[in-house]
Amino acid sequence: MEDAIPAPSRGELIEITIEKVIFGGNGLARTPHGFVVFVPFTAEGEQVRVRITERKAHHARAEIVEIVQPGLSREIPPCPYYARCGGCQYQHLAYAEECHLKENQVREAFIRVGKIAEPPILPIIASPSPYGYRNRITVHAESGRIGFRGVNGRDLIDIRECLLARPDVNAQLGRLRNEKSQSADRPSAEGHYSLRDSTVPPSGFFQANHDLGETLRGLIAAALPARGGTLLEGYCGGGFFTEIVAGRFERVVAVDNDPRTLRDAHRLPLTNVEWREADVAYVLPEELRALTEATGKETSVLLDPPREGLPVRLTEALCFDPVAHLAYVSCDPATLARDARMLSKSYRLVSVQPIDLFPRTAQIECVSVWERK
């Protein structure tokens, strides 16, 4: 039996070199004995002195005490709250380096998790600006503070301005701060507040990047056929994608379990769309089975699930009744790659297009395109 790798102790100071930055934003390093240590706010290749903050069986977490040799891509973060507020992970890096890291993280996920040896990853689409792009934010108010959760997930960091938000959103934040400062002694002043600019519907989910929204919709338009029989859309939200592709199909079944977003969807003038408030994991498999048995027409599927990815029930149904065209939008490369491993049994992966909808944060959006084998 091999000897266990000696692990550093909590509170211990060590000097390490960052090998790479993994999905989520942490730098991965190893002690001289080979024990894995994760360190946030680091850059590839830089040498840092760190303090161990948490130790588990196979890895430890640490915080920077001193940057001994900075990485070539390191920059001074422009935000005064950075490294305290938990909203951003990459402000200390040049934006080109952030995009490079994210593209590699998507590729690694498909290789390591998806077991696809040579995934067709396209060059990442960068945001026109890494700041001032968010058309909506959610802030929390408690104990006289208004802002975002800190890096520990518990503390509330008081925020006067978010550099990621558009000017109108920051103006709303300023007005909210003024209102709450006058009512701080009332319990009703505390809670969560969604601040949105005029382009965002008031009720449900909407894509947050003002500058890349149309680019993302263009990718979906290119991924689906010019004309088709039926489109099954899971997690349709307020019809962000439905609006631009519905006219290509004879029939569209758009499903979401959030009544708030469907209120937005019903406002769209789309006569061939059946909006359904239901569980996607059950409705789409039933529709797939009915279409396969009854019509035999070409069917397309468009999916934009939450971070958790696809339910196993739906993935299995897609493999059992494979469709002609499948477009799968994801905000988490790991769950996308997990689902890709199963989908690869019945589909050929045509392309994966990373798009940086959330600059300065660890999130990565991907549009994957599949064809029936």
Protein backbone atom coordinates (compact mmCIF):
# COMPACT_ATOMS: atom_id res chain seq x y z
CA MET A 1 0.00 0.00 0.00
CA GLU A 2 1.42 3.38 -1.03
CA ASP A 3 2.19 5.93 1.66
CA ALA A 4 -0.22 8.87 1.86
CA ILE A 5 1.05 12.19 0.52
CA PRO A 6 1.92 14.47 3.45
CA ALA A 7 -0.69 17.21 3.74
CA PRO A 8 -0.07 20.76 4.97
CA SER A 9 -1.71 21.82 8.22
CA ARG A 10 -4.39 24.47 8.58
CA GLY A 11 -2.69 27.81 9.16
CA GLU A 12 0.63 26.62 7.72
CA LEU A 13 2.56 29.01 5.43
CA ILE A 14 4.00 27.49 2.26
CA GLU A 15 5.41 28.74 -1.03
CA ILE A 16 3.97 27.19 -4.20
CA THR A 17 3.77 27.75 -7.97
CA ILE A 18 0.39 27.89 -9.73
CA GLU A 19 0.20 25.24 -12.46
CA LYS A 20 -3.10 26.31 -14.00
CA VAL A 21 -6.39 28.09 -13.26
CA ILE A 22 -9.31 25.68 -13.22
CA PHE A 23 -13.03 26.21 -13.84
CA GLY A 24 -14.37 28.25 -10.96
CA GLY A 25 -11.35 30.55 -10.89
CA ASN A 26 -9.04 28.82 -8.42
CA GLY A 27 -5.37 28.36 -9.17
CA LEU A 28 -4.17 24.77 -8.82
CA ALA A 29 -0.77 24.17 -7.23
CA ARG A 30 1.03 21.33 -5.46
CA THR A 31 3.22 21.20 -2.39
CA PRO A 32 6.76 19.82 -2.79
CA HIS A 33 5.28 16.45 -1.73
CA GLY A 34 2.56 16.66 -4.44
CA PHE A 35 -0.48 17.53 -2.30
CA VAL A 36 -3.01 19.62 -4.28
CA VAL A 37 -3.72 23.17 -3.08
CA PHE A 38 -6.35 25.52 -4.54
CA VAL A 39 -5.75 29.28 -4.33
CA PRO A 40 -8.18 31.94 -5.59
CA PHE A 41 -7.12 35.18 -7.31
CA THR A 42 -3.94 33.72 -8.80
CA ALA A 43 -2.47 33.45 -12.31
CA GLU A 44 -0.84 30.61 -14.17
CA GLY A 45 2.90 30.33 -13.54
CA GLU A 46 3.10 32.72 -10.62
CA GLN A 47 4.88 31.95 -7.38
CA VAL A 48 2.95 32.74 -4.21
CA ARG A 49 3.30 32.40 -0.47
CA VAL A 50 -0.01 31.18 0.93
CA ARG A 51 -1.69 30.30 4.20
CA ILE A 52 -3.67 27.05 4.35
CA THR A 53 -7.27 27.87 5.28
CA GLU A 54 -8.91 24.45 4.86
CA ARG A 55 -7.60 20.92 4.58
CA LYS A 56 -9.48 17.90 3.26
CA ALA A 57 -8.49 14.34 2.47
CA HIS A 58 -7.16 14.98 -1.03
CA HIS A 59 -6.74 18.74 -1.32
CA ALA A 60 -6.36 21.96 0.63
CA ARG A 61 -7.47 25.54 0.14
CA ALA A 62 -5.33 28.55 0.81
CA GLU A 63 -5.24 32.36 0.68
CA ILE A 64 -2.48 34.55 -0.71
CA VAL A 65 -0.10 36.06 1.83
CA GLU A 66 2.48 37.33 -0.67
CA ILE A 67 2.92 37.28 -4.44
CA VAL A 68 6.57 36.30 -4.73
CA GLN A 69 6.71 36.28 -8.53
CA PRO A 70 3.60 37.65 -10.29
CA GLY A 71 2.28 36.02 -13.44
CA LEU A 72 2.71 37.85 -16.75
CA SER A 73 -1.04 38.34 -17.08
CA ARG A 74 -1.61 39.88 -13.63
CA GLU A 75 -3.20 43.33 -13.47
CA ILE A 76 -4.35 45.68 -10.73
CA PRO A 77 -8.10 45.06 -10.19
CA PRO A 78 -10.11 48.26 -10.81
CA CYS A 79 -12.85 47.40 -8.30
CA PRO A 80 -12.29 48.43 -4.65
CA TYR A 81 -14.39 45.48 -3.46
CA TYR A 82 -12.53 42.82 -5.43
CA ALA A 83 -11.35 39.75 -3.46
CA ARG A 84 -13.87 40.62 -0.72
CA CYS A 85 -17.07 40.57 -2.81
CA GLY A 86 -17.81 37.12 -4.18
CA GLY A 87 -19.13 38.30 -7.54
CA CYS A 88 -15.90 38.33 -9.59
CA GLN A 89 -12.96 35.94 -9.90
CA TYR A 90 -10.82 37.33 -12.76
CA GLN A 91 -10.37 41.09 -12.31
CA HIS A 92 -6.71 40.49 -11.45
CA LEU A 93 -6.05 39.10 -14.96
CA ALA A 94 -5.79 40.73 -18.38
CA TYR A 95 -9.06 40.10 -20.20
CA ALA A 96 -7.35 38.24 -23.07
CA GLU A 97 -5.88 35.82 -20.54
CA GLU A 98 -9.30 35.29 -18.94
CA CYS A 99 -10.75 34.33 -22.33
CA HIS A 100 -7.81 32.01 -23.01
CA LEU A 101 -8.33 30.28 -19.65
CA LYS A 102 -12.06 29.83 -20.19
CA GLU A 103 -11.64 28.33 -23.64
CA ASN A 104 -9.14 25.83 -22.24
CA GLN A 105 -11.43 25.03 -19.31
CA VAL A 106 -14.24 24.10 -21.72
CA ARG A 107 -11.89 21.90 -23.74
CA GLU A 108 -10.58 20.17 -20.63
CA ALA A 109 -14.11 19.48 -19.38
CA PHE A 110 -15.07 17.71 -22.62
CA ILE A 111 -11.87 15.66 -22.59
CA ARG A 112 -11.83 14.77 -18.88
CA VAL A 113 -15.55 14.55 -18.06
CA GLY A 114 -17.13 14.00 -21.48
CA LYS A 115 -14.48 11.48 -22.58
CA ILE A 116 -14.33 13.10 -26.03
CA ALA A 117 -10.70 12.97 -27.10
CA GLU A 118 -10.78 15.80 -29.64
CA PRO A 119 -13.79 18.00 -28.89
CA PRO A 120 -14.66 20.54 -31.62
CA ILE A 121 -14.22 23.63 -29.43
CA LEU A 122 -14.41 26.88 -31.37
CA PRO A 123 -12.45 30.03 -30.34
CA ILE A 124 -14.26 31.79 -27.53
CA ILE A 125 -16.35 34.86 -28.40
CA ALA A 126 -15.17 37.67 -26.14
CA SER A 127 -17.41 40.37 -24.75
CA PRO A 128 -16.97 43.83 -26.38
CA SER A 129 -16.28 45.13 -22.89
CA PRO A 130 -15.42 43.22 -19.71
CA TYR A 131 -17.16 45.89 -17.63
CA GLY A 132 -20.47 47.74 -17.74
CA TYR A 133 -22.33 44.92 -19.52
CA ARG A 134 -24.81 43.53 -16.97
CA ASN A 135 -28.41 44.62 -17.53
CA ARG A 136 -29.58 43.10 -14.25
CA ILE A 137 -28.15 42.36 -10.80
CA THR A 138 -29.60 41.05 -7.54
CA VAL A 139 -28.51 42.74 -4.34
CA HIS A 140 -29.25 41.92 -0.71
CA ALA A 141 -30.17 44.35 2.07
CA GLU A 142 -29.62 43.60 5.73
CA SER A 143 -28.37 45.38 8.84
CA GLY A 144 -28.06 48.68 6.98
CA ARG A 145 -25.87 47.23 4.20
CA ILE A 146 -26.80 46.70 0.53
CA GLY A 147 -24.63 44.62 -1.76
CA PHE A 148 -23.38 41.13 -2.60
CA ARG A 149 -22.29 38.15 -0.55
CA GLY A 150 -18.59 38.00 0.21
CA VAL A 151 -16.15 35.34 -0.91
CA ASN A 152 -17.04 33.25 2.16
CA GLY A 153 -20.70 33.23 1.10
CA ARG A 154 -21.84 34.65 4.46
CA ASP A 155 -20.73 38.25 4.90
CA LEU A 156 -22.63 40.97 3.06
CA ILE A 157 -20.29 43.43 1.35
CA ASP A 158 -21.72 46.95 1.17
CA ILE A 159 -21.54 48.02 -2.50
CA ARG A 160 -21.97 51.55 -3.79
CA GLU A 161 -21.32 50.68 -7.44
CA CYS A 162 -20.84 47.45 -9.38
CA LEU A 163 -18.36 47.83 -12.24
CA LEU A 164 -20.03 44.98 -14.14
CA ALA A 165 -23.43 46.70 -14.19
CA ARG A 166 -24.75 49.09 -16.79
CA PRO A 167 -25.13 52.77 -15.78
CA ASP A 168 -28.92 52.54 -15.45
CA VAL A 169 -28.59 49.57 -13.09
CA ASN A 170 -26.06 51.40 -10.93
CA ALA A 171 -28.37 54.42 -10.86
CA GLN A 172 -31.11 52.14 -9.50
CA LEU A 173 -28.66 50.83 -6.91
CA GLY A 174 -27.97 54.41 -5.81
CA ARG A 175 -31.68 55.15 -5.47
CA LEU A 176 -32.23 51.92 -3.54
CA ARG A 177 -29.42 52.80 -1.14
CA ASN A 178 -30.98 56.21 -0.50
CA GLU A 179 -34.41 54.69 0.12
CA LYS A 180 -33.11 52.02 2.47
CA SER A 181 -30.93 54.43 4.42
CA GLN A 182 -34.14 56.28 5.32
CA SER A 183 -35.93 53.09 6.39
CA ALA A 184 -33.06 51.05 7.87
CA ASP A 185 -34.87 50.69 11.20
CA ARG A 186 -37.79 48.85 9.58
CA PRO A 187 -37.59 45.04 9.08
CA SER A 188 -39.37 45.41 5.71
CA ALA A 189 -36.31 47.25 4.40
CA GLU A 190 -34.36 43.99 4.36
CA GLY A 191 -34.53 41.44 1.56
CA HIS A 192 -33.45 40.77 -2.03
CA TYR A 193 -33.82 43.30 -4.83
CA SER A 194 -33.61 42.67 -8.59
CA LEU A 195 -32.32 45.75 -10.40
CA ARG A 196 -32.89 45.73 -14.17
CA ASP A 197 -32.45 48.22 -16.98
CA SER A 198 -35.25 49.07 -19.42
CA THR A 199 -34.34 46.24 -21.84
CA VAL A 200 -35.16 43.48 -19.33
CA PRO A 201 -38.72 42.19 -18.71
CA PRO A 202 -39.87 42.75 -15.12
CA SER A 203 -40.95 39.26 -14.15
CA GLY A 204 -38.62 36.41 -15.07
CA PHE A 205 -35.16 35.30 -16.19
CA PHE A 206 -33.41 37.17 -19.00
CA GLN A 207 -29.89 37.00 -20.44
CA ALA A 208 -27.71 39.37 -18.42
CA ASN A 209 -25.11 40.50 -20.98
CA HIS A 210 -26.49 43.53 -22.82
CA ASP A 211 -23.72 43.49 -25.43
CA LEU A 212 -23.82 39.79 -26.40
CA GLY A 213 -27.53 38.95 -26.26
CA GLU A 214 -28.06 39.20 -30.01
CA THR A 215 -24.83 37.32 -30.67
CA LEU A 216 -26.09 34.46 -28.53
CA ARG A 217 -29.44 34.43 -30.32
CA GLY A 218 -27.58 34.40 -33.64
CA LEU A 219 -25.71 31.27 -32.58
CA ILE A 220 -29.01 29.52 -31.85
CA ALA A 221 -30.46 30.64 -35.16
CA ALA A 222 -27.45 29.15 -36.95
CA ALA A 223 -27.65 25.90 -34.98
CA LEU A 224 -31.24 25.05 -36.02
CA PRO A 225 -32.51 24.22 -39.52
CA ALA A 226 -33.90 26.92 -41.84
CA ARG A 227 -37.23 25.06 -41.99
CA GLY A 228 -38.59 22.17 -39.94
CA GLY A 229 -41.59 20.31 -38.66
CA THR A 230 -41.58 20.56 -34.86
CA LEU A 231 -39.32 22.34 -32.40
CA LEU A 232 -39.33 21.17 -28.80
CA GLU A 233 -37.85 23.83 -26.55
CA GLY A 234 -37.02 23.02 -22.94
CA TYR A 235 -36.42 25.76 -20.37
CA CYS A 236 -37.81 28.38 -22.74
CA GLY A 237 -37.99 31.14 -20.12
CA GLY A 238 -39.57 34.29 -21.49
CA GLY A 239 -39.09 33.19 -25.10
CA PHE A 240 -35.67 34.79 -25.59
CA PHE A 241 -34.72 32.18 -28.22
CA THR A 242 -38.27 31.18 -29.21
CA GLU A 243 -38.93 34.63 -30.60
CA ILE A 244 -36.28 34.37 -33.33
CA VAL A 245 -36.67 30.72 -34.40
CA ALA A 246 -40.39 29.95 -34.04
CA GLY A 247 -41.20 31.18 -37.55
CA ARG A 248 -39.10 28.42 -39.09
CA PHE A 249 -41.23 25.60 -37.72
CA GLU A 250 -44.76 24.37 -38.29
CA ARG A 251 -45.19 23.79 -34.55
CA VAL A 252 -43.26 24.78 -31.43
CA VAL A 253 -43.75 23.31 -27.96
CA ALA A 254 -42.01 25.59 -25.45
CA VAL A 255 -41.84 24.36 -21.86
CA ASP A 256 -40.80 25.96 -18.58
CA ASN A 257 -41.86 25.44 -14.97
CA ASP A 258 -41.55 29.11 -13.97
CA PRO A 259 -44.88 30.96 -14.33
CA ARG A 260 -43.13 34.35 -14.07
CA THR A 261 -41.06 33.83 -17.20
CA LEU A 262 -44.00 32.36 -19.08
CA ARG A 263 -45.95 35.56 -18.41
CA ASP A 264 -43.29 37.33 -20.48
CA ALA A 265 -43.45 34.62 -23.14
CA HIS A 266 -47.21 34.95 -23.60
CA ARG A 267 -46.71 38.58 -24.62
CA LEU A 268 -44.90 37.50 -27.78
CA PRO A 269 -47.02 37.43 -30.98
CA LEU A 270 -46.23 33.81 -31.90
CA THR A 271 -49.28 31.92 -33.14
CA ASN A 272 -47.60 28.54 -33.72
CA VAL A 273 -46.16 28.21 -30.19
CA GLU A 274 -47.73 26.10 -27.43
CA TRP A 275 -46.46 27.53 -24.11
CA ARG A 276 -46.58 24.95 -21.35
CA GLU A 277 -45.94 25.42 -17.64
CA ALA A 278 -44.65 21.98 -16.72
CA ASP A 279 -41.61 19.89 -15.79
CA VAL A 280 -39.33 19.66 -18.84
CA ALA A 281 -38.02 16.26 -17.69
CA TYR A 282 -41.49 14.74 -18.22
CA VAL A 283 -43.07 16.75 -21.04
CA LEU A 284 -40.25 16.54 -23.59
CA PRO A 285 -39.78 12.73 -23.38
CA GLU A 286 -43.54 12.31 -23.91
CA GLU A 287 -43.47 14.65 -26.93
CA LEU A 288 -40.41 12.87 -28.36
CA ARG A 289 -42.12 9.51 -28.10
CA ALA A 290 -45.34 10.79 -29.68
CA LEU A 291 -43.53 12.44 -32.59
CA THR A 292 -41.47 9.33 -33.28
CA GLU A 293 -44.52 7.08 -33.27
CA ALA A 294 -47.00 9.35 -35.09
CA THR A 295 -45.45 11.60 -37.72
CA GLY A 296 -41.86 10.74 -38.44
CA LYS A 297 -41.26 14.37 -39.38
CA GLU A 298 -37.96 16.00 -38.67
CA THR A 299 -37.87 17.21 -35.10
CA SER A 300 -35.46 19.69 -33.53
CA VAL A 301 -34.76 20.23 -29.85
CA LEU A 302 -33.46 23.38 -28.14
CA LEU A 303 -32.39 23.18 -24.49
CA ASP A 304 -31.14 25.86 -22.09
CA PRO A 305 -31.19 24.18 -18.67
CA PRO A 306 -30.00 25.66 -15.37
CA ARG A 307 -26.49 25.03 -14.04
CA GLU A 308 -27.41 21.48 -12.97
CA GLY A 309 -27.68 20.40 -16.60
CA LEU A 310 -30.18 17.90 -18.03
CA PRO A 311 -32.17 15.46 -15.91
CA VAL A 312 -31.11 11.87 -16.62
CA ARG A 313 -34.67 11.05 -17.70
CA LEU A 314 -34.51 13.65 -20.48
CA THR A 315 -31.01 12.71 -21.64
CA GLU A 316 -32.03 9.06 -21.88
CA ALA A 317 -35.15 10.00 -23.87
CA LEU A 318 -33.07 12.04 -26.33
CA CYS A 319 -30.81 9.06 -26.87
CA PHE A 320 -33.67 6.58 -27.20
CA ASP A 321 -35.60 8.78 -29.66
CA PRO A 322 -32.81 10.81 -31.30
CA VAL A 323 -33.86 13.95 -33.15
CA ALA A 324 -32.45 15.44 -36.33
CA HIS A 325 -31.05 18.62 -34.75
CA LEU A 326 -30.17 19.36 -31.14
CA ALA A 327 -28.89 22.66 -29.72
CA TYR A 328 -27.89 22.62 -26.07
CA VAL A 329 -27.01 25.90 -24.31
CA SER A 330 -25.15 25.62 -21.02
CA CYS A 331 -23.67 27.91 -18.38
CA ASP A 332 -21.62 25.12 -16.79
CA PRO A 333 -19.02 23.25 -18.88
CA ALA A 334 -18.78 20.41 -16.35
CA THR A 335 -22.47 19.45 -16.48
CA LEU A 336 -22.54 20.03 -20.24
CA ALA A 337 -19.59 17.64 -20.64
CA ARG A 338 -21.27 15.11 -18.35
CA ASP A 339 -24.40 15.16 -20.51
CA ALA A 340 -22.28 15.10 -23.67
CA ARG A 341 -20.82 11.76 -22.63
CA MET A 342 -24.30 10.20 -22.77
CA LEU A 343 -25.52 12.14 -25.80
CA SER A 344 -22.49 10.94 -27.78
CA LYS A 345 -24.06 7.49 -27.92
CA SER A 346 -26.74 8.72 -30.33
CA TYR A 347 -25.42 12.05 -31.64
CA ARG A 348 -22.36 13.51 -33.29
CA LEU A 349 -21.02 16.63 -31.61
CA VAL A 350 -20.72 19.20 -34.42
CA SER A 351 -19.34 22.14 -32.44
CA VAL A 352 -19.04 23.79 -29.05
CA GLN A 353 -18.99 27.59 -29.09
CA PRO A 354 -17.88 29.22 -25.81
CA ILE A 355 -19.16 32.77 -25.41
CA ASP A 356 -18.05 35.04 -22.57
CA LEU A 357 -21.41 36.29 -21.35
CA PHE A 358 -20.03 36.92 -17.86
CA PRO A 359 -16.59 38.60 -18.07
CA ARG A 360 -14.56 38.88 -14.87
CA THR A 361 -16.57 36.00 -13.35
CA ALA A 362 -15.96 32.25 -13.50
CA GLN A 363 -19.11 31.53 -15.53
CA ILE A 364 -18.79 30.33 -19.13
CA GLU A 365 -21.68 30.04 -21.58
CA CYS A 366 -21.49 27.41 -24.33
CA VAL A 367 -23.66 26.60 -27.32
CA SER A 368 -23.24 22.97 -28.36
CA VAL A 369 -24.64 21.69 -31.66
CA TRP A 370 -25.48 18.04 -32.24
CA GLU A 371 -26.68 15.91 -35.14
CA ARG A 372 -28.27 12.47 -35.05
CA LYS A 373 -25.77 9.75 -35.93
